[in-house]
Every structure is written in structure tokens, then in C-alpha cells.
């Protein structure tokens, strides 16, 4: 399980694929819009705070990979009270959840 270190910024990053209609092969799902990531207290749940919800942008040099950054100050503001607890990083389109990954909140990075 990855830790969310509150003394750093956090980068949401997801690679999205789809099946090619002709070959059935898995290919990068480039050019999508409306994708978001957020932190939740429950798997697939609502955001802890709107400041933790970010609109994802596609990396120009890596089609199908979407990313956004939450500033460390924002993390500390909304997650400091959850130090040591497990929360969920959620990725979806605002209506549908595509995946949820558990993360442990830590005040400082552990080496």
C-alpha cells in the first residue's frame, strides 16, 4: 500500500485503455475528457473535500495516461486529522467510479 505523505504534493496518475474495435487488442484510450480523481473515506465513495478532487489531463507524450496534482498544503489541510488511517484514492468520470486504491495517510515521508 502506498502512503500519502503530507509533506509533499500528490500526483494522481492513471493509464486508461480500451479494446480496439477491429482487433480486440488493448490500446491507449486517448483524448478522453471529464476524468477526475479524489480521496474518499470509503472505497468508491464521495470526496473528503472538493479541494482534493482534481480534473485529470492527458500527458501529451504518453497517450492514454491522465494526471493531476494535489498541492501538499491542500493535503495537510484536509488530511492531517487522518494521520495513520487508510483512505481511498478514487478515479472516475464524476458519475462512475473506475477504480479505488487504498492509501495510508502519513504526516511525513518514511524512508
N, C-alpha and C. Protein backbone atom coordinates (compact mmCIF):
# COMPACT_ATOMS: atom_id res chain seq x y z
N UNK A 1 0.84 -1.17 0.00
CA UNK A 1 0.00 0.00 0.00
C UNK A 1 0.89 1.25 0.00
N UNK A 2 0.63 2.15 -0.91
CA UNK A 2 1.36 3.41 -0.96
C UNK A 2 0.89 4.35 0.15
N UNK A 3 1.82 5.16 0.63
CA UNK A 3 1.49 6.17 1.63
C UNK A 3 1.32 7.53 0.96
N UNK A 4 0.39 8.31 1.48
CA UNK A 4 0.25 9.70 1.07
C UNK A 4 1.02 10.51 2.11
N UNK A 5 2.14 11.04 1.70
CA UNK A 5 2.98 11.81 2.61
C UNK A 5 2.53 13.27 2.56
N UNK A 6 2.08 13.79 3.69
CA UNK A 6 1.53 15.14 3.72
C UNK A 6 2.58 16.23 3.64
N UNK A 7 3.86 15.86 3.61
CA UNK A 7 4.89 16.87 3.43
C UNK A 7 5.30 17.01 1.96
N UNK A 8 4.51 16.44 1.06
CA UNK A 8 4.77 16.52 -0.39
C UNK A 8 3.47 16.74 -1.15
N UNK A 9 3.61 17.15 -2.41
CA UNK A 9 2.45 17.15 -3.31
C UNK A 9 2.12 15.70 -3.65
N UNK A 10 0.89 15.46 -4.10
CA UNK A 10 0.48 14.11 -4.51
C UNK A 10 0.07 14.15 -5.98
N UNK A 11 0.58 13.22 -6.75
CA UNK A 11 0.22 13.12 -8.17
C UNK A 11 -0.71 11.94 -8.38
N UNK A 12 -1.93 12.27 -8.80
CA UNK A 12 -2.83 11.22 -9.29
C UNK A 12 -2.34 10.87 -10.69
N UNK A 13 -2.27 9.59 -11.02
CA UNK A 13 -1.83 9.20 -12.36
C UNK A 13 -2.44 7.86 -12.73
N UNK A 14 -3.16 7.84 -13.84
CA UNK A 14 -3.82 6.61 -14.29
C UNK A 14 -3.65 6.43 -15.79
N UNK A 15 -3.41 5.19 -16.18
CA UNK A 15 -3.36 4.82 -17.60
C UNK A 15 -4.69 4.16 -17.92
N UNK A 16 -5.33 4.66 -18.98
CA UNK A 16 -6.65 4.18 -19.37
C UNK A 16 -6.53 3.47 -20.71
N UNK A 17 -7.11 2.28 -20.80
CA UNK A 17 -7.09 1.52 -22.05
C UNK A 17 -8.51 1.17 -22.47
N UNK A 18 -8.63 0.80 -23.71
CA UNK A 18 -9.89 0.32 -24.26
C UNK A 18 -9.56 -0.79 -25.26
N UNK A 19 -10.56 -1.51 -25.67
CA UNK A 19 -10.34 -2.56 -26.66
C UNK A 19 -10.53 -2.00 -28.06
N UNK A 20 -9.57 -2.31 -28.94
CA UNK A 20 -9.69 -1.91 -30.34
C UNK A 20 -10.89 -2.63 -30.95
N UNK A 21 -11.75 -1.88 -31.62
CA UNK A 21 -12.99 -2.44 -32.18
C UNK A 21 -12.73 -3.50 -33.25
N UNK A 22 -11.61 -3.39 -33.95
CA UNK A 22 -11.32 -4.33 -35.03
C UNK A 22 -10.58 -5.57 -34.54
N UNK A 23 -9.50 -5.31 -33.78
CA UNK A 23 -8.64 -6.43 -33.38
C UNK A 23 -8.94 -6.97 -31.99
N UNK A 24 -9.59 -6.17 -31.16
CA UNK A 24 -9.84 -6.57 -29.78
C UNK A 24 -8.65 -6.36 -28.87
N UNK A 25 -7.54 -5.89 -29.44
CA UNK A 25 -6.34 -5.64 -28.64
C UNK A 25 -6.56 -4.45 -27.71
N UNK A 26 -5.89 -4.47 -26.58
CA UNK A 26 -5.96 -3.36 -25.63
C UNK A 26 -5.09 -2.21 -26.15
N UNK A 27 -5.70 -1.02 -26.26
CA UNK A 27 -4.98 0.16 -26.75
C UNK A 27 -5.21 1.33 -25.80
N UNK A 28 -4.34 2.33 -25.87
CA UNK A 28 -4.47 3.52 -25.04
C UNK A 28 -5.76 4.24 -25.39
N UNK A 29 -6.49 4.67 -24.37
CA UNK A 29 -7.73 5.43 -24.56
C UNK A 29 -7.38 6.92 -24.52
N UNK A 30 -6.96 7.41 -25.66
CA UNK A 30 -6.51 8.80 -25.76
C UNK A 30 -7.69 9.74 -26.01
N UNK A 31 -7.51 11.00 -25.61
CA UNK A 31 -8.47 12.04 -25.92
C UNK A 31 -9.72 12.07 -25.05
N UNK A 32 -9.69 11.42 -23.90
CA UNK A 32 -10.86 11.42 -23.01
C UNK A 32 -10.95 12.73 -22.25
N UNK A 33 -12.15 13.09 -21.85
CA UNK A 33 -12.34 14.29 -21.04
C UNK A 33 -13.29 13.96 -19.88
N UNK A 34 -13.30 14.82 -18.89
CA UNK A 34 -14.20 14.63 -17.76
C UNK A 34 -13.72 13.68 -16.70
N UNK A 35 -12.47 13.21 -16.80
CA UNK A 35 -11.93 12.29 -15.80
C UNK A 35 -11.50 13.06 -14.56
N UNK A 36 -11.73 12.45 -13.40
CA UNK A 36 -11.38 13.08 -12.13
C UNK A 36 -10.78 12.05 -11.18
N UNK A 37 -10.03 12.55 -10.19
CA UNK A 37 -9.54 11.73 -9.10
C UNK A 37 -9.78 12.48 -7.80
N UNK A 38 -9.98 11.72 -6.70
CA UNK A 38 -10.23 12.34 -5.40
C UNK A 38 -9.90 11.35 -4.31
N UNK A 39 -9.88 11.84 -3.07
CA UNK A 39 -9.69 10.98 -1.90
C UNK A 39 -11.02 10.84 -1.18
N UNK A 40 -11.29 9.62 -0.71
CA UNK A 40 -12.54 9.30 -0.03
C UNK A 40 -12.26 8.51 1.24
N UNK A 41 -13.19 8.57 2.17
CA UNK A 41 -13.09 7.76 3.38
C UNK A 41 -13.51 6.32 3.14
N UNK A 42 -14.23 6.08 2.05
CA UNK A 42 -14.71 4.74 1.73
C UNK A 42 -14.36 4.38 0.29
N UNK A 43 -14.31 3.10 0.01
CA UNK A 43 -13.99 2.62 -1.34
C UNK A 43 -15.05 3.11 -2.33
N UNK A 44 -14.61 3.88 -3.31
CA UNK A 44 -15.51 4.39 -4.34
C UNK A 44 -16.44 5.49 -3.86
N UNK A 45 -16.19 6.01 -2.66
CA UNK A 45 -17.08 6.99 -2.06
C UNK A 45 -16.85 8.42 -2.51
N UNK A 46 -17.61 9.31 -1.90
CA UNK A 46 -17.54 10.74 -2.21
C UNK A 46 -16.22 11.32 -1.69
N UNK A 47 -15.85 12.45 -2.26
CA UNK A 47 -14.61 13.11 -1.85
C UNK A 47 -14.67 13.58 -0.40
N UNK A 48 -13.53 13.56 0.25
CA UNK A 48 -13.41 14.08 1.61
C UNK A 48 -13.65 15.58 1.61
N UNK A 49 -13.14 16.26 0.57
CA UNK A 49 -13.33 17.69 0.39
C UNK A 49 -13.11 18.01 -1.07
N UNK A 50 -13.88 18.95 -1.59
CA UNK A 50 -13.77 19.32 -3.02
C UNK A 50 -12.36 19.76 -3.41
N UNK A 51 -11.60 20.29 -2.45
CA UNK A 51 -10.23 20.70 -2.74
C UNK A 51 -9.31 19.54 -3.09
N UNK A 52 -9.72 18.33 -2.76
CA UNK A 52 -8.93 17.13 -3.07
C UNK A 52 -9.33 16.50 -4.40
N UNK A 53 -10.40 16.99 -5.01
CA UNK A 53 -10.86 16.47 -6.30
C UNK A 53 -10.19 17.26 -7.42
N UNK A 54 -9.59 16.54 -8.34
CA UNK A 54 -8.87 17.19 -9.43
C UNK A 54 -9.33 16.65 -10.78
N UNK A 55 -9.42 17.55 -11.74
CA UNK A 55 -9.70 17.16 -13.12
C UNK A 55 -8.41 16.67 -13.74
N UNK A 56 -8.49 15.53 -14.38
CA UNK A 56 -7.31 14.91 -14.95
C UNK A 56 -7.05 15.44 -16.36
N UNK A 57 -5.77 15.57 -16.70
CA UNK A 57 -5.37 15.96 -18.05
C UNK A 57 -4.47 14.86 -18.62
N UNK A 58 -4.56 14.69 -19.92
CA UNK A 58 -3.76 13.66 -20.58
C UNK A 58 -2.34 14.16 -20.78
N UNK A 59 -1.37 13.30 -20.49
CA UNK A 59 0.02 13.64 -20.75
C UNK A 59 0.25 13.64 -22.26
N UNK A 60 0.77 14.73 -22.77
CA UNK A 60 0.92 14.87 -24.22
C UNK A 60 1.88 13.85 -24.83
N UNK A 61 2.88 13.45 -24.07
CA UNK A 61 3.86 12.50 -24.61
C UNK A 61 3.53 11.04 -24.28
N UNK A 62 2.42 10.82 -23.56
CA UNK A 62 2.01 9.46 -23.20
C UNK A 62 0.50 9.32 -23.37
N UNK A 63 0.03 9.12 -24.60
CA UNK A 63 -1.41 9.00 -24.83
C UNK A 63 -2.06 7.95 -23.94
N UNK A 64 -3.23 8.30 -23.40
CA UNK A 64 -3.95 7.38 -22.54
C UNK A 64 -3.56 7.45 -21.07
N UNK A 65 -2.58 8.28 -20.73
CA UNK A 65 -2.18 8.47 -19.34
C UNK A 65 -2.66 9.84 -18.88
N UNK A 66 -3.41 9.84 -17.78
CA UNK A 66 -4.05 11.05 -17.27
C UNK A 66 -3.52 11.35 -15.88
N UNK A 67 -3.33 12.64 -15.58
CA UNK A 67 -2.70 13.02 -14.33
C UNK A 67 -3.25 14.34 -13.79
N UNK A 68 -3.05 14.55 -12.50
CA UNK A 68 -3.35 15.82 -11.84
C UNK A 68 -2.57 15.83 -10.52
N UNK A 69 -2.34 17.02 -9.98
CA UNK A 69 -1.54 17.16 -8.76
C UNK A 69 -2.36 17.85 -7.68
N UNK A 70 -2.27 17.31 -6.46
CA UNK A 70 -2.84 17.96 -5.28
C UNK A 70 -1.67 18.56 -4.50
N UNK A 71 -1.74 19.85 -4.25
CA UNK A 71 -0.69 20.56 -3.54
C UNK A 71 -0.58 20.05 -2.10
N UNK A 72 0.64 19.97 -1.60
CA UNK A 72 0.88 19.49 -0.24
C UNK A 72 0.13 20.28 0.82
N UNK A 73 0.00 21.60 0.63
CA UNK A 73 -0.74 22.43 1.59
C UNK A 73 -2.21 22.00 1.66
N UNK A 74 -2.78 21.64 0.52
CA UNK A 74 -4.17 21.17 0.48
C UNK A 74 -4.28 19.82 1.17
N UNK A 75 -3.32 18.94 0.93
CA UNK A 75 -3.31 17.63 1.60
C UNK A 75 -3.30 17.81 3.11
N UNK A 76 -2.40 18.67 3.60
CA UNK A 76 -2.30 18.87 5.05
C UNK A 76 -3.59 19.45 5.62
N UNK A 77 -4.20 20.37 4.89
CA UNK A 77 -5.43 21.00 5.38
C UNK A 77 -6.53 19.98 5.61
N UNK A 78 -6.72 19.06 4.66
CA UNK A 78 -7.87 18.15 4.71
C UNK A 78 -7.57 16.75 5.21
N UNK A 79 -6.28 16.38 5.27
CA UNK A 79 -5.96 15.00 5.65
C UNK A 79 -5.16 14.86 6.95
N UNK A 80 -4.69 15.95 7.52
CA UNK A 80 -3.84 15.87 8.72
C UNK A 80 -4.52 15.13 9.86
N UNK A 81 -5.81 15.32 10.02
CA UNK A 81 -6.54 14.66 11.10
C UNK A 81 -6.65 13.15 10.88
N UNK A 82 -6.30 12.69 9.69
CA UNK A 82 -6.41 11.26 9.35
C UNK A 82 -5.06 10.55 9.38
N UNK A 83 -4.04 11.18 9.97
CA UNK A 83 -2.70 10.59 10.03
C UNK A 83 -2.76 9.16 10.55
N UNK A 84 -2.16 8.24 9.79
CA UNK A 84 -2.11 6.83 10.15
C UNK A 84 -3.29 6.02 9.67
N UNK A 85 -4.33 6.68 9.18
CA UNK A 85 -5.52 5.96 8.73
C UNK A 85 -5.43 5.61 7.24
N UNK A 86 -6.25 4.66 6.85
CA UNK A 86 -6.34 4.26 5.45
C UNK A 86 -7.54 4.98 4.83
N UNK A 87 -7.27 5.63 3.68
CA UNK A 87 -8.33 6.25 2.89
C UNK A 87 -8.25 5.67 1.48
N UNK A 88 -9.11 6.14 0.60
CA UNK A 88 -9.17 5.59 -0.76
C UNK A 88 -8.90 6.69 -1.79
N UNK A 89 -8.03 6.37 -2.74
CA UNK A 89 -7.84 7.21 -3.91
C UNK A 89 -8.79 6.68 -4.97
N UNK A 90 -9.66 7.55 -5.46
CA UNK A 90 -10.72 7.13 -6.37
C UNK A 90 -10.52 7.81 -7.72
N UNK A 91 -10.74 7.06 -8.79
CA UNK A 91 -10.61 7.58 -10.16
C UNK A 91 -11.88 7.27 -10.92
N UNK A 92 -12.41 8.27 -11.60
CA UNK A 92 -13.63 8.06 -12.38
C UNK A 92 -13.94 9.26 -13.25
N UNK A 93 -15.19 9.34 -13.67
CA UNK A 93 -15.59 10.45 -14.53
C UNK A 93 -16.56 11.40 -13.84
N UNK A 94 -16.62 11.33 -12.52
CA UNK A 94 -17.53 12.19 -11.77
C UNK A 94 -18.85 11.51 -11.46
N UNK A 95 -19.29 10.61 -12.33
CA UNK A 95 -20.51 9.83 -12.11
C UNK A 95 -20.20 8.37 -11.85
N UNK A 96 -19.24 7.85 -12.58
CA UNK A 96 -18.87 6.44 -12.47
C UNK A 96 -17.48 6.30 -11.87
N UNK A 97 -17.31 5.35 -10.98
CA UNK A 97 -16.01 5.05 -10.40
C UNK A 97 -15.36 3.96 -11.25
N UNK A 98 -14.14 4.21 -11.70
CA UNK A 98 -13.41 3.22 -12.49
C UNK A 98 -12.52 2.36 -11.62
N UNK A 99 -11.95 2.96 -10.58
CA UNK A 99 -11.11 2.19 -9.65
C UNK A 99 -10.96 2.94 -8.34
N UNK A 100 -10.69 2.20 -7.28
CA UNK A 100 -10.37 2.76 -5.96
C UNK A 100 -9.16 2.01 -5.43
N UNK A 101 -8.20 2.77 -4.89
CA UNK A 101 -6.98 2.18 -4.36
C UNK A 101 -6.77 2.69 -2.94
N UNK A 102 -6.48 1.78 -2.01
CA UNK A 102 -6.28 2.23 -0.63
C UNK A 102 -4.90 2.86 -0.46
N UNK A 103 -4.86 3.90 0.39
CA UNK A 103 -3.63 4.64 0.70
C UNK A 103 -3.60 4.93 2.19
N UNK A 104 -2.42 4.89 2.79
CA UNK A 104 -2.29 5.25 4.20
C UNK A 104 -1.77 6.69 4.30
N UNK A 105 -2.44 7.50 5.12
CA UNK A 105 -2.05 8.89 5.32
C UNK A 105 -0.90 8.94 6.32
N UNK A 106 0.17 9.65 5.97
CA UNK A 106 1.32 9.83 6.85
C UNK A 106 1.71 11.31 6.87
N UNK A 107 1.94 11.83 8.06
CA UNK A 107 2.33 13.24 8.18
C UNK A 107 3.64 13.53 7.48
N UNK A 108 4.59 12.61 7.58
CA UNK A 108 5.89 12.79 6.93
C UNK A 108 6.27 11.50 6.21
N UNK A 109 7.06 11.68 5.19
CA UNK A 109 7.51 10.53 4.39
C UNK A 109 8.42 9.61 5.20
N UNK A 110 8.20 8.33 5.06
CA UNK A 110 9.07 7.34 5.69
C UNK A 110 10.05 6.81 4.67
N UNK A 111 11.30 6.75 5.04
CA UNK A 111 12.32 6.26 4.12
C UNK A 111 12.53 4.78 4.25
